Amino acid sequence: MPTQPLDRIDLRILNRLQDNARLSNVELARAVHLSPSPCLARVRRLEESGVISRHVTLLDPIAVGLNVSVFIQVSLEKQVERALDVFEKAIAARPEVMECYLMTGDSDYLLRVVVPDVPALEHFIVNVLSRVPGVGNIRSSFALKQVKYKTALPLAEPPVVRAGRAKTRARPAKRAL
């Protein structure tokens, strides 16, 4: 968690880095209207405070042969702490599981899984997922098309407040009748 609140410049830096983490410090500084040294100091502070958790390269799953994207709902036999821990540890060890969420509603977990093909999905469900102790029910849905995918968080910059100036619209003059 950040030790200081994020200011307008921090948010600009974060938005730029979310869009392109390969920007050089000079390019980033220019884009956020800072000199390079204070810009680098801010980036380091954001990294040290955990706001920036890591730098990654995003791959096209189709280009690397992961053609099937599936959402899997999993219900456990009992939703007790030990069963949750066992399931979460088993799922954390699986590279094909891209995301896993503990849910409210009809199922206990929602997984997003990517695999090369349907036989690989069958193997994952039959030989891996169904063998995790405590799994009671598994339902899967194939993604036909990815309509939207983002990794950048929606960071809104706070509005500019200028001391002593309130922007008002000029009122039209009244006409004499």
N, C-alpha and C. Protein backbone atom coordinates (compact mmCIF):
# COMPACT_ATOMS: atom_id res chain seq x y z
N MET A 1 0.82 -1.19 0.00
CA MET A 1 0.00 0.00 0.00
C MET A 1 0.86 1.25 0.00
N PRO A 2 0.44 2.28 -0.73
CA PRO A 2 1.24 3.49 -0.76
C PRO A 2 1.26 4.18 0.60
N THR A 3 2.43 4.73 0.96
CA THR A 3 2.54 5.44 2.22
C THR A 3 2.03 6.87 2.08
N GLN A 4 2.03 7.38 0.86
CA GLN A 4 1.51 8.71 0.59
C GLN A 4 0.39 8.58 -0.43
N PRO A 5 -0.55 9.51 -0.40
CA PRO A 5 -1.58 9.46 -1.44
C PRO A 5 -0.96 9.74 -2.81
N LEU A 6 -1.57 9.16 -3.82
CA LEU A 6 -1.10 9.38 -5.19
C LEU A 6 -1.55 10.76 -5.66
N ASP A 7 -0.62 11.53 -6.18
CA ASP A 7 -1.00 12.84 -6.70
C ASP A 7 -1.18 12.75 -8.22
N ARG A 8 -1.48 13.88 -8.80
CA ARG A 8 -1.76 13.96 -10.24
C ARG A 8 -0.59 13.46 -11.09
N ILE A 9 0.61 13.80 -10.71
CA ILE A 9 1.78 13.36 -11.48
C ILE A 9 1.97 11.85 -11.35
N ASP A 10 1.80 11.32 -10.12
CA ASP A 10 1.89 9.86 -9.94
C ASP A 10 0.89 9.15 -10.85
N LEU A 11 -0.33 9.66 -10.92
CA LEU A 11 -1.36 9.03 -11.75
C LEU A 11 -0.99 9.12 -13.23
N ARG A 12 -0.41 10.23 -13.65
CA ARG A 12 0.03 10.34 -15.05
C ARG A 12 1.13 9.33 -15.34
N ILE A 13 2.08 9.19 -14.42
CA ILE A 13 3.16 8.21 -14.58
C ILE A 13 2.58 6.81 -14.68
N LEU A 14 1.68 6.47 -13.78
CA LEU A 14 1.09 5.13 -13.78
C LEU A 14 0.30 4.85 -15.05
N ASN A 15 -0.47 5.83 -15.51
CA ASN A 15 -1.22 5.64 -16.75
C ASN A 15 -0.29 5.40 -17.93
N ARG A 16 0.80 6.18 -18.02
CA ARG A 16 1.76 6.01 -19.11
C ARG A 16 2.43 4.64 -19.04
N LEU A 17 2.84 4.23 -17.85
CA LEU A 17 3.52 2.94 -17.71
C LEU A 17 2.58 1.76 -17.94
N GLN A 18 1.31 1.92 -17.58
CA GLN A 18 0.35 0.84 -17.87
C GLN A 18 0.18 0.67 -19.38
N ASP A 19 0.29 1.77 -20.09
CA ASP A 19 0.14 1.72 -21.55
C ASP A 19 1.41 1.16 -22.21
N ASN A 20 2.58 1.53 -21.68
CA ASN A 20 3.84 1.08 -22.26
C ASN A 20 4.92 1.09 -21.18
N ALA A 21 5.18 -0.06 -20.58
CA ALA A 21 6.17 -0.15 -19.50
C ALA A 21 7.60 -0.08 -20.02
N ARG A 22 7.78 -0.09 -21.33
CA ARG A 22 9.12 -0.02 -21.91
C ARG A 22 9.57 1.40 -22.20
N LEU A 23 8.77 2.38 -21.82
CA LEU A 23 9.19 3.77 -22.01
C LEU A 23 10.50 4.00 -21.25
N SER A 24 11.42 4.70 -21.87
CA SER A 24 12.63 5.08 -21.14
C SER A 24 12.24 6.14 -20.11
N ASN A 25 13.09 6.32 -19.12
CA ASN A 25 12.81 7.33 -18.11
C ASN A 25 12.74 8.72 -18.73
N VAL A 26 13.56 8.98 -19.72
CA VAL A 26 13.55 10.29 -20.39
C VAL A 26 12.23 10.50 -21.11
N GLU A 27 11.75 9.47 -21.82
CA GLU A 27 10.47 9.58 -22.53
C GLU A 27 9.32 9.76 -21.54
N LEU A 28 9.35 8.99 -20.45
CA LEU A 28 8.31 9.09 -19.43
C LEU A 28 8.32 10.47 -18.80
N ALA A 29 9.49 10.96 -18.44
CA ALA A 29 9.60 12.28 -17.82
C ALA A 29 9.04 13.36 -18.74
N ARG A 30 9.37 13.28 -20.02
CA ARG A 30 8.85 14.25 -20.99
C ARG A 30 7.32 14.18 -21.06
N ALA A 31 6.79 12.96 -21.06
CA ALA A 31 5.34 12.79 -21.20
C ALA A 31 4.57 13.32 -19.99
N VAL A 32 5.19 13.29 -18.81
CA VAL A 32 4.47 13.75 -17.61
C VAL A 32 4.97 15.12 -17.14
N HIS A 33 5.79 15.77 -17.97
CA HIS A 33 6.27 17.13 -17.71
C HIS A 33 7.11 17.24 -16.44
N LEU A 34 8.07 16.31 -16.32
CA LEU A 34 9.05 16.35 -15.23
C LEU A 34 10.43 16.25 -15.84
N SER A 35 11.44 16.59 -15.05
CA SER A 35 12.80 16.29 -15.48
C SER A 35 13.08 14.83 -15.12
N PRO A 36 14.06 14.20 -15.77
CA PRO A 36 14.27 12.77 -15.57
C PRO A 36 14.55 12.33 -14.13
N SER A 37 15.34 13.09 -13.39
CA SER A 37 15.70 12.66 -12.04
C SER A 37 14.48 12.57 -11.10
N PRO A 38 13.64 13.61 -11.00
CA PRO A 38 12.45 13.47 -10.15
C PRO A 38 11.47 12.41 -10.66
N CYS A 39 11.42 12.22 -11.97
CA CYS A 39 10.54 11.19 -12.52
C CYS A 39 11.00 9.82 -12.07
N LEU A 40 12.29 9.55 -12.18
CA LEU A 40 12.83 8.26 -11.75
C LEU A 40 12.61 8.05 -10.26
N ALA A 41 12.78 9.10 -9.47
CA ALA A 41 12.56 8.99 -8.02
C ALA A 41 11.10 8.62 -7.72
N ARG A 42 10.18 9.19 -8.47
CA ARG A 42 8.76 8.85 -8.28
C ARG A 42 8.48 7.40 -8.67
N VAL A 43 9.04 6.96 -9.79
CA VAL A 43 8.83 5.58 -10.23
C VAL A 43 9.38 4.62 -9.17
N ARG A 44 10.56 4.90 -8.67
CA ARG A 44 11.15 4.04 -7.63
C ARG A 44 10.30 4.02 -6.38
N ARG A 45 9.77 5.18 -5.98
CA ARG A 45 8.90 5.24 -4.80
C ARG A 45 7.63 4.41 -5.04
N LEU A 46 7.07 4.50 -6.24
CA LEU A 46 5.87 3.72 -6.57
C LEU A 46 6.17 2.22 -6.56
N GLU A 47 7.37 1.83 -6.98
CA GLU A 47 7.78 0.42 -6.94
C GLU A 47 7.99 -0.04 -5.50
N GLU A 48 8.72 0.75 -4.73
CA GLU A 48 9.03 0.38 -3.34
C GLU A 48 7.79 0.31 -2.47
N SER A 49 6.80 1.14 -2.75
CA SER A 49 5.57 1.14 -1.95
C SER A 49 4.60 0.05 -2.39
N GLY A 50 4.89 -0.63 -3.50
CA GLY A 50 4.03 -1.71 -3.96
C GLY A 50 2.93 -1.29 -4.92
N VAL A 51 2.84 0.00 -5.24
CA VAL A 51 1.84 0.44 -6.21
C VAL A 51 2.16 -0.18 -7.56
N ILE A 52 3.43 -0.13 -7.96
CA ILE A 52 3.89 -0.87 -9.14
C ILE A 52 4.42 -2.19 -8.60
N SER A 53 3.71 -3.28 -8.90
CA SER A 53 4.09 -4.56 -8.31
C SER A 53 5.10 -5.34 -9.15
N ARG A 54 5.08 -5.15 -10.48
CA ARG A 54 6.02 -5.86 -11.35
C ARG A 54 5.88 -5.35 -12.77
N HIS A 55 6.83 -5.74 -13.60
CA HIS A 55 6.82 -5.40 -15.02
C HIS A 55 6.72 -6.72 -15.79
N VAL A 56 5.82 -6.79 -16.75
CA VAL A 56 5.61 -8.02 -17.50
C VAL A 56 5.52 -7.72 -18.99
N THR A 57 5.63 -8.79 -19.78
CA THR A 57 5.39 -8.71 -21.22
C THR A 57 4.13 -9.51 -21.50
N LEU A 58 3.15 -8.90 -22.15
CA LEU A 58 1.91 -9.58 -22.47
C LEU A 58 2.04 -10.28 -23.82
N LEU A 59 1.65 -11.55 -23.85
CA LEU A 59 1.75 -12.36 -25.06
C LEU A 59 0.38 -12.56 -25.68
N ASP A 60 0.36 -12.77 -26.98
CA ASP A 60 -0.86 -13.13 -27.69
C ASP A 60 -1.04 -14.64 -27.53
N PRO A 61 -2.10 -15.09 -26.82
CA PRO A 61 -2.26 -16.53 -26.58
C PRO A 61 -2.36 -17.35 -27.86
N ILE A 62 -3.01 -16.83 -28.88
CA ILE A 62 -3.14 -17.56 -30.14
C ILE A 62 -1.76 -17.75 -30.78
N ALA A 63 -0.94 -16.71 -30.74
CA ALA A 63 0.39 -16.77 -31.34
C ALA A 63 1.29 -17.81 -30.68
N VAL A 64 1.03 -18.11 -29.40
CA VAL A 64 1.84 -19.12 -28.69
C VAL A 64 1.11 -20.45 -28.56
N GLY A 65 0.03 -20.63 -29.33
CA GLY A 65 -0.65 -21.92 -29.39
C GLY A 65 -1.66 -22.20 -28.30
N LEU A 66 -2.05 -21.20 -27.55
CA LEU A 66 -3.08 -21.41 -26.51
C LEU A 66 -4.41 -20.90 -27.07
N ASN A 67 -5.04 -21.75 -27.87
CA ASN A 67 -6.19 -21.36 -28.68
C ASN A 67 -7.53 -21.43 -27.96
N VAL A 68 -7.59 -22.10 -26.82
CA VAL A 68 -8.87 -22.32 -26.14
C VAL A 68 -8.86 -21.59 -24.80
N SER A 69 -9.83 -20.70 -24.64
CA SER A 69 -10.00 -19.97 -23.38
C SER A 69 -11.34 -20.40 -22.79
N VAL A 70 -11.30 -20.82 -21.54
CA VAL A 70 -12.48 -21.40 -20.90
C VAL A 70 -12.67 -20.78 -19.52
N PHE A 71 -13.93 -20.54 -19.18
CA PHE A 71 -14.28 -20.12 -17.83
C PHE A 71 -14.89 -21.32 -17.14
N ILE A 72 -14.37 -21.64 -15.97
CA ILE A 72 -14.82 -22.83 -15.24
C ILE A 72 -15.33 -22.42 -13.87
N GLN A 73 -16.57 -22.82 -13.58
CA GLN A 73 -17.15 -22.59 -12.26
C GLN A 73 -16.97 -23.87 -11.45
N VAL A 74 -16.45 -23.71 -10.25
CA VAL A 74 -16.19 -24.86 -9.38
C VAL A 74 -16.93 -24.65 -8.07
N SER A 75 -17.68 -25.70 -7.67
CA SER A 75 -18.32 -25.71 -6.36
C SER A 75 -17.64 -26.77 -5.51
N LEU A 76 -17.37 -26.42 -4.28
CA LEU A 76 -16.77 -27.36 -3.36
C LEU A 76 -17.87 -28.10 -2.60
N GLU A 77 -17.53 -29.29 -2.09
CA GLU A 77 -18.50 -30.05 -1.29
C GLU A 77 -18.85 -29.30 -0.01
N LYS A 78 -17.84 -28.70 0.61
CA LYS A 78 -18.05 -27.89 1.82
C LYS A 78 -17.19 -26.64 1.70
N GLN A 79 -17.77 -25.52 2.06
CA GLN A 79 -17.00 -24.28 2.01
C GLN A 79 -16.47 -23.99 3.40
N VAL A 80 -15.46 -24.78 3.79
CA VAL A 80 -14.78 -24.58 5.07
C VAL A 80 -13.35 -24.18 4.78
N GLU A 81 -12.71 -23.56 5.74
CA GLU A 81 -11.39 -22.97 5.51
C GLU A 81 -10.38 -23.99 4.97
N ARG A 82 -10.36 -25.18 5.51
CA ARG A 82 -9.40 -26.19 5.05
C ARG A 82 -9.64 -26.54 3.58
N ALA A 83 -10.89 -26.72 3.18
CA ALA A 83 -11.21 -27.05 1.79
C ALA A 83 -10.82 -25.91 0.86
N LEU A 84 -11.06 -24.68 1.29
CA LEU A 84 -10.68 -23.52 0.48
C LEU A 84 -9.16 -23.47 0.29
N ASP A 85 -8.42 -23.69 1.37
CA ASP A 85 -6.96 -23.66 1.30
C ASP A 85 -6.42 -24.75 0.37
N VAL A 86 -6.95 -25.96 0.49
CA VAL A 86 -6.51 -27.07 -0.36
C VAL A 86 -6.75 -26.74 -1.83
N PHE A 87 -7.95 -26.25 -2.12
CA PHE A 87 -8.28 -25.92 -3.51
C PHE A 87 -7.38 -24.81 -4.03
N GLU A 88 -7.23 -23.74 -3.27
CA GLU A 88 -6.44 -22.59 -3.72
C GLU A 88 -4.98 -22.95 -3.95
N LYS A 89 -4.41 -23.80 -3.09
CA LYS A 89 -3.02 -24.23 -3.28
C LYS A 89 -2.89 -25.09 -4.54
N ALA A 90 -3.85 -25.97 -4.78
CA ALA A 90 -3.80 -26.81 -5.98
C ALA A 90 -3.90 -25.96 -7.25
N ILE A 91 -4.78 -24.97 -7.24
CA ILE A 91 -4.98 -24.12 -8.41
C ILE A 91 -3.79 -23.20 -8.63
N ALA A 92 -3.20 -22.69 -7.56
CA ALA A 92 -2.04 -21.79 -7.68
C ALA A 92 -0.87 -22.48 -8.38
N ALA A 93 -0.80 -23.80 -8.29
CA ALA A 93 0.30 -24.55 -8.89
C ALA A 93 0.08 -24.85 -10.37
N ARG A 94 -1.08 -24.53 -10.92
CA ARG A 94 -1.42 -24.89 -12.30
C ARG A 94 -1.15 -23.74 -13.25
N PRO A 95 -0.23 -23.90 -14.21
CA PRO A 95 0.10 -22.79 -15.12
C PRO A 95 -1.03 -22.44 -16.10
N GLU A 96 -1.92 -23.37 -16.40
CA GLU A 96 -3.01 -23.07 -17.34
C GLU A 96 -4.12 -22.23 -16.72
N VAL A 97 -4.11 -22.11 -15.40
CA VAL A 97 -5.11 -21.27 -14.72
C VAL A 97 -4.56 -19.85 -14.68
N MET A 98 -5.18 -18.98 -15.45
CA MET A 98 -4.73 -17.60 -15.54
C MET A 98 -5.28 -16.72 -14.43
N GLU A 99 -6.52 -17.02 -14.02
CA GLU A 99 -7.16 -16.25 -12.96
C GLU A 99 -8.03 -17.20 -12.15
N CYS A 100 -8.16 -16.90 -10.88
CA CYS A 100 -9.03 -17.67 -10.00
C CYS A 100 -9.63 -16.73 -8.97
N TYR A 101 -10.95 -16.76 -8.85
CA TYR A 101 -11.65 -15.87 -7.94
C TYR A 101 -12.54 -16.68 -7.01
N LEU A 102 -12.53 -16.37 -5.73
CA LEU A 102 -13.51 -16.88 -4.78
C LEU A 102 -14.76 -16.04 -4.97
N MET A 103 -15.89 -16.69 -5.20
CA MET A 103 -17.09 -15.99 -5.63
C MET A 103 -18.22 -16.07 -4.61
N THR A 104 -19.19 -15.19 -4.77
CA THR A 104 -20.49 -15.34 -4.13
C THR A 104 -21.40 -15.93 -5.20
N GLY A 105 -22.55 -16.43 -4.80
CA GLY A 105 -23.49 -16.94 -5.79
C GLY A 105 -23.50 -18.45 -5.87
N ASP A 106 -23.80 -18.96 -7.08
CA ASP A 106 -24.02 -20.39 -7.28
C ASP A 106 -22.76 -21.25 -7.15
N SER A 107 -21.61 -20.72 -7.54
CA SER A 107 -20.38 -21.52 -7.45
C SER A 107 -19.41 -20.85 -6.48
N ASP A 108 -18.45 -21.63 -6.02
CA ASP A 108 -17.48 -21.11 -5.06
C ASP A 108 -16.32 -20.39 -5.73
N TYR A 109 -15.90 -20.92 -6.89
CA TYR A 109 -14.76 -20.34 -7.59
C TYR A 109 -15.08 -20.16 -9.07
N LEU A 110 -14.45 -19.14 -9.65
CA LEU A 110 -14.49 -18.94 -11.10
C LEU A 110 -13.04 -18.92 -11.57
N LEU A 111 -12.73 -19.81 -12.54
CA LEU A 111 -11.39 -19.89 -13.10
C LEU A 111 -11.42 -19.45 -14.55
N ARG A 112 -10.33 -18.83 -14.98
CA ARG A 112 -10.12 -18.61 -16.41
C ARG A 112 -8.90 -19.45 -16.78
N VAL A 113 -9.10 -20.36 -17.71
CA VAL A 113 -8.08 -21.33 -18.09
C VAL A 113 -7.78 -21.18 -19.57
N VAL A 114 -6.50 -21.24 -19.94
CA VAL A 114 -6.12 -21.27 -21.35
C VAL A 114 -5.35 -22.55 -21.62
N VAL A 115 -5.72 -23.23 -22.71
CA VAL A 115 -5.09 -24.49 -23.12
C VAL A 115 -4.98 -24.50 -24.64
N PRO A 116 -4.15 -25.39 -25.18
CA PRO A 116 -3.99 -25.43 -26.63
C PRO A 116 -5.22 -25.94 -27.38
N ASP A 117 -5.93 -26.90 -26.78
CA ASP A 117 -7.04 -27.53 -27.51
C ASP A 117 -7.99 -28.21 -26.53
N VAL A 118 -9.06 -28.78 -27.07
CA VAL A 118 -10.09 -29.42 -26.25
C VAL A 118 -9.53 -30.65 -25.51
N PRO A 119 -8.70 -31.50 -26.13
CA PRO A 119 -8.14 -32.61 -25.35
C PRO A 119 -7.32 -32.14 -24.13
N ALA A 120 -6.63 -31.03 -24.26
CA ALA A 120 -5.88 -30.49 -23.12
C ALA A 120 -6.83 -30.02 -22.03
N LEU A 121 -7.96 -29.44 -22.43
CA LEU A 121 -8.97 -29.03 -21.45
C LEU A 121 -9.55 -30.26 -20.76
N GLU A 122 -9.86 -31.28 -21.54
CA GLU A 122 -10.38 -32.52 -20.95
C GLU A 122 -9.39 -33.08 -19.94
N HIS A 123 -8.13 -33.11 -20.29
CA HIS A 123 -7.10 -33.61 -19.37
C HIS A 123 -7.09 -32.77 -18.08
N PHE A 124 -7.14 -31.46 -18.23
CA PHE A 124 -7.13 -30.59 -17.05
C PHE A 124 -8.34 -30.87 -16.15
N ILE A 125 -9.52 -30.97 -16.74
CA ILE A 125 -10.73 -31.19 -15.94
C ILE A 125 -10.74 -32.58 -15.31
N VAL A 126 -10.48 -33.61 -16.11
CA VAL A 126 -10.59 -34.99 -15.63
C VAL A 126 -9.43 -35.40 -14.72
N ASN A 127 -8.22 -35.06 -15.11
CA ASN A 127 -7.05 -35.55 -14.39
C ASN A 127 -6.48 -34.59 -13.35
N VAL A 128 -6.90 -33.35 -13.38
CA VAL A 128 -6.37 -32.37 -12.43
C VAL A 128 -7.49 -31.84 -11.54
N LEU A 129 -8.40 -31.09 -12.14
CA LEU A 129 -9.41 -30.37 -11.38
C LEU A 129 -10.33 -31.30 -10.59
N SER A 130 -10.82 -32.34 -11.22
CA SER A 130 -11.76 -33.23 -10.53
C SER A 130 -11.08 -34.05 -9.43
N ARG A 131 -9.76 -34.10 -9.43
CA ARG A 131 -9.02 -34.85 -8.41
C ARG A 131 -8.60 -34.01 -7.21
N VAL A 132 -8.88 -32.73 -7.26
CA VAL A 132 -8.58 -31.88 -6.11
C VAL A 132 -9.56 -32.24 -5.00
N PRO A 133 -9.07 -32.59 -3.82
CA PRO A 133 -9.98 -32.96 -2.73
C PRO A 133 -10.99 -31.85 -2.43
N GLY A 134 -12.25 -32.24 -2.30
CA GLY A 134 -13.30 -31.30 -1.94
C GLY A 134 -14.07 -30.73 -3.11
N VAL A 135 -13.62 -30.95 -4.36
CA VAL A 135 -14.35 -30.43 -5.51
C VAL A 135 -15.63 -31.23 -5.68
N GLY A 136 -16.75 -30.53 -5.73
CA GLY A 136 -18.04 -31.19 -5.83
C GLY A 136 -18.69 -31.08 -7.20
N ASN A 137 -18.52 -29.93 -7.87
CA ASN A 137 -19.19 -29.72 -9.14
C ASN A 137 -18.32 -28.81 -10.02
N ILE A 138 -18.27 -29.14 -11.31
CA ILE A 138 -17.47 -28.37 -12.27
C ILE A 138 -18.36 -28.05 -13.47
N ARG A 139 -18.43 -26.77 -13.84
CA ARG A 139 -19.17 -26.35 -15.04
C ARG A 139 -18.25 -25.45 -15.85
N SER A 140 -18.17 -25.72 -17.15
CA SER A 140 -17.28 -24.90 -17.97
C SER A 140 -18.04 -24.25 -19.13
N SER A 141 -17.52 -23.11 -19.55
CA SER A 141 -18.08 -22.36 -20.69
C SER A 141 -16.92 -21.89 -21.55
N PHE A 142 -16.99 -22.21 -22.85
CA PHE A 142 -15.96 -21.78 -23.79
C PHE A 142 -16.18 -20.32 -24.17
N ALA A 143 -15.09 -19.57 -24.24
CA ALA A 143 -15.15 -18.22 -24.77
C ALA A 143 -15.08 -18.34 -26.29
N LEU A 144 -16.10 -17.86 -26.98
CA LEU A 144 -16.11 -17.91 -28.44
C LEU A 144 -15.25 -16.81 -29.04
N LYS A 145 -15.28 -15.63 -28.40
CA LYS A 145 -14.54 -14.48 -28.92
C LYS A 145 -14.22 -13.56 -27.75
N GLN A 146 -13.02 -13.05 -27.74
CA GLN A 146 -12.66 -12.07 -26.72
C GLN A 146 -13.05 -10.69 -27.24
N VAL A 147 -14.04 -10.10 -26.61
CA VAL A 147 -14.56 -8.80 -27.06
C VAL A 147 -13.71 -7.67 -26.49
N LYS A 148 -13.31 -7.80 -25.24
CA LYS A 148 -12.49 -6.77 -24.61
C LYS A 148 -11.55 -7.43 -23.63
N TYR A 149 -10.31 -6.98 -23.63
CA TYR A 149 -9.31 -7.46 -22.68
C TYR A 149 -8.39 -6.30 -22.36
N LYS A 150 -8.30 -5.97 -21.10
CA LYS A 150 -7.44 -4.88 -20.66
C LYS A 150 -6.61 -5.34 -19.49
N THR A 151 -5.44 -4.80 -19.38
CA THR A 151 -4.64 -5.03 -18.18
C THR A 151 -4.47 -3.73 -17.40
N ALA A 152 -4.71 -2.60 -18.03
CA ALA A 152 -4.53 -1.30 -17.38
C ALA A 152 -5.73 -0.99 -16.49
N LEU A 153 -5.44 -0.63 -15.26
CA LEU A 153 -6.50 -0.22 -14.34
C LEU A 153 -6.99 1.19 -14.70
N PRO A 154 -8.28 1.46 -14.49
CA PRO A 154 -8.82 2.78 -14.85
C PRO A 154 -8.49 3.83 -13.78
N LEU A 155 -7.37 4.49 -13.94
CA LEU A 155 -6.93 5.50 -12.98
C LEU A 155 -7.34 6.88 -13.49
N ALA A 156 -8.29 7.47 -12.84
CA ALA A 156 -8.74 8.81 -13.24
C ALA A 156 -7.86 9.84 -12.55
N GLU A 157 -7.47 10.83 -13.31
CA GLU A 157 -6.71 11.92 -12.71
C GLU A 157 -7.68 12.87 -12.02
N PRO A 158 -7.33 13.37 -10.83
CA PRO A 158 -8.23 14.30 -10.14
C PRO A 158 -8.36 15.59 -10.94
N PRO A 159 -9.51 16.27 -10.81
CA PRO A 159 -9.70 17.52 -11.55
C PRO A 159 -8.73 18.60 -11.07
N VAL A 160 -8.38 19.49 -11.97
CA VAL A 160 -7.49 20.58 -11.63
C VAL A 160 -8.27 21.62 -10.84
N VAL A 161 -7.74 21.98 -9.68
CA VAL A 161 -8.36 23.03 -8.87
C VAL A 161 -7.34 24.15 -8.79
N ARG A 162 -7.73 25.31 -9.27
CA ARG A 162 -6.82 26.46 -9.25
C ARG A 162 -7.25 27.40 -8.15
N ALA A 163 -6.32 27.71 -7.27
CA ALA A 163 -6.62 28.57 -6.12
C ALA A 163 -7.02 29.97 -6.59
N GLY A 164 -8.09 30.47 -6.01
CA GLY A 164 -8.52 31.84 -6.27
C GLY A 164 -9.26 32.04 -7.57
N ARG A 165 -9.39 31.01 -8.37
CA ARG A 165 -10.10 31.17 -9.64
C ARG A 165 -11.21 30.15 -9.73
N ALA A 166 -12.37 30.65 -9.88
CA ALA A 166 -13.50 29.77 -10.15
C ALA A 166 -13.94 30.03 -11.57
N LYS A 167 -14.03 28.98 -12.33
CA LYS A 167 -14.45 29.16 -13.72
C LYS A 167 -15.96 29.31 -13.76
N THR A 168 -16.40 30.40 -14.32
CA THR A 168 -17.83 30.63 -14.48
C THR A 168 -18.09 31.01 -15.93
N ARG A 169 -19.28 30.75 -16.33
CA ARG A 169 -19.67 31.13 -17.68
C ARG A 169 -20.16 32.57 -17.66
N ALA A 170 -19.85 33.29 -18.70
CA ALA A 170 -20.35 34.65 -18.81
C ALA A 170 -21.85 34.58 -19.11
N ARG A 171 -22.60 35.38 -18.40
CA ARG A 171 -24.05 35.39 -18.61
C ARG A 171 -24.38 36.35 -19.74
N PRO A 172 -25.32 35.96 -20.57
CA PRO A 172 -25.71 36.90 -21.65
C PRO A 172 -26.39 38.13 -21.05
N ALA A 173 -26.15 39.25 -21.69
CA ALA A 173 -26.75 40.51 -21.23
C ALA A 173 -28.27 40.44 -21.46
N LYS A 174 -28.99 41.06 -20.51
CA LYS A 174 -30.44 41.11 -20.65
C LYS A 174 -30.81 42.15 -21.68
N ARG A 175 -31.80 41.83 -22.47
CA ARG A 175 -32.27 42.77 -23.49
C ARG A 175 -33.42 43.59 -22.95
N ALA A 176 -33.38 44.82 -23.27
CA ALA A 176 -34.48 45.70 -22.87
C ALA A 176 -35.61 45.49 -23.89
N LEU A 177 -36.80 45.46 -23.42
CA LEU A 177 -37.95 45.28 -24.33
C LEU A 177 -38.61 46.55 -24.67
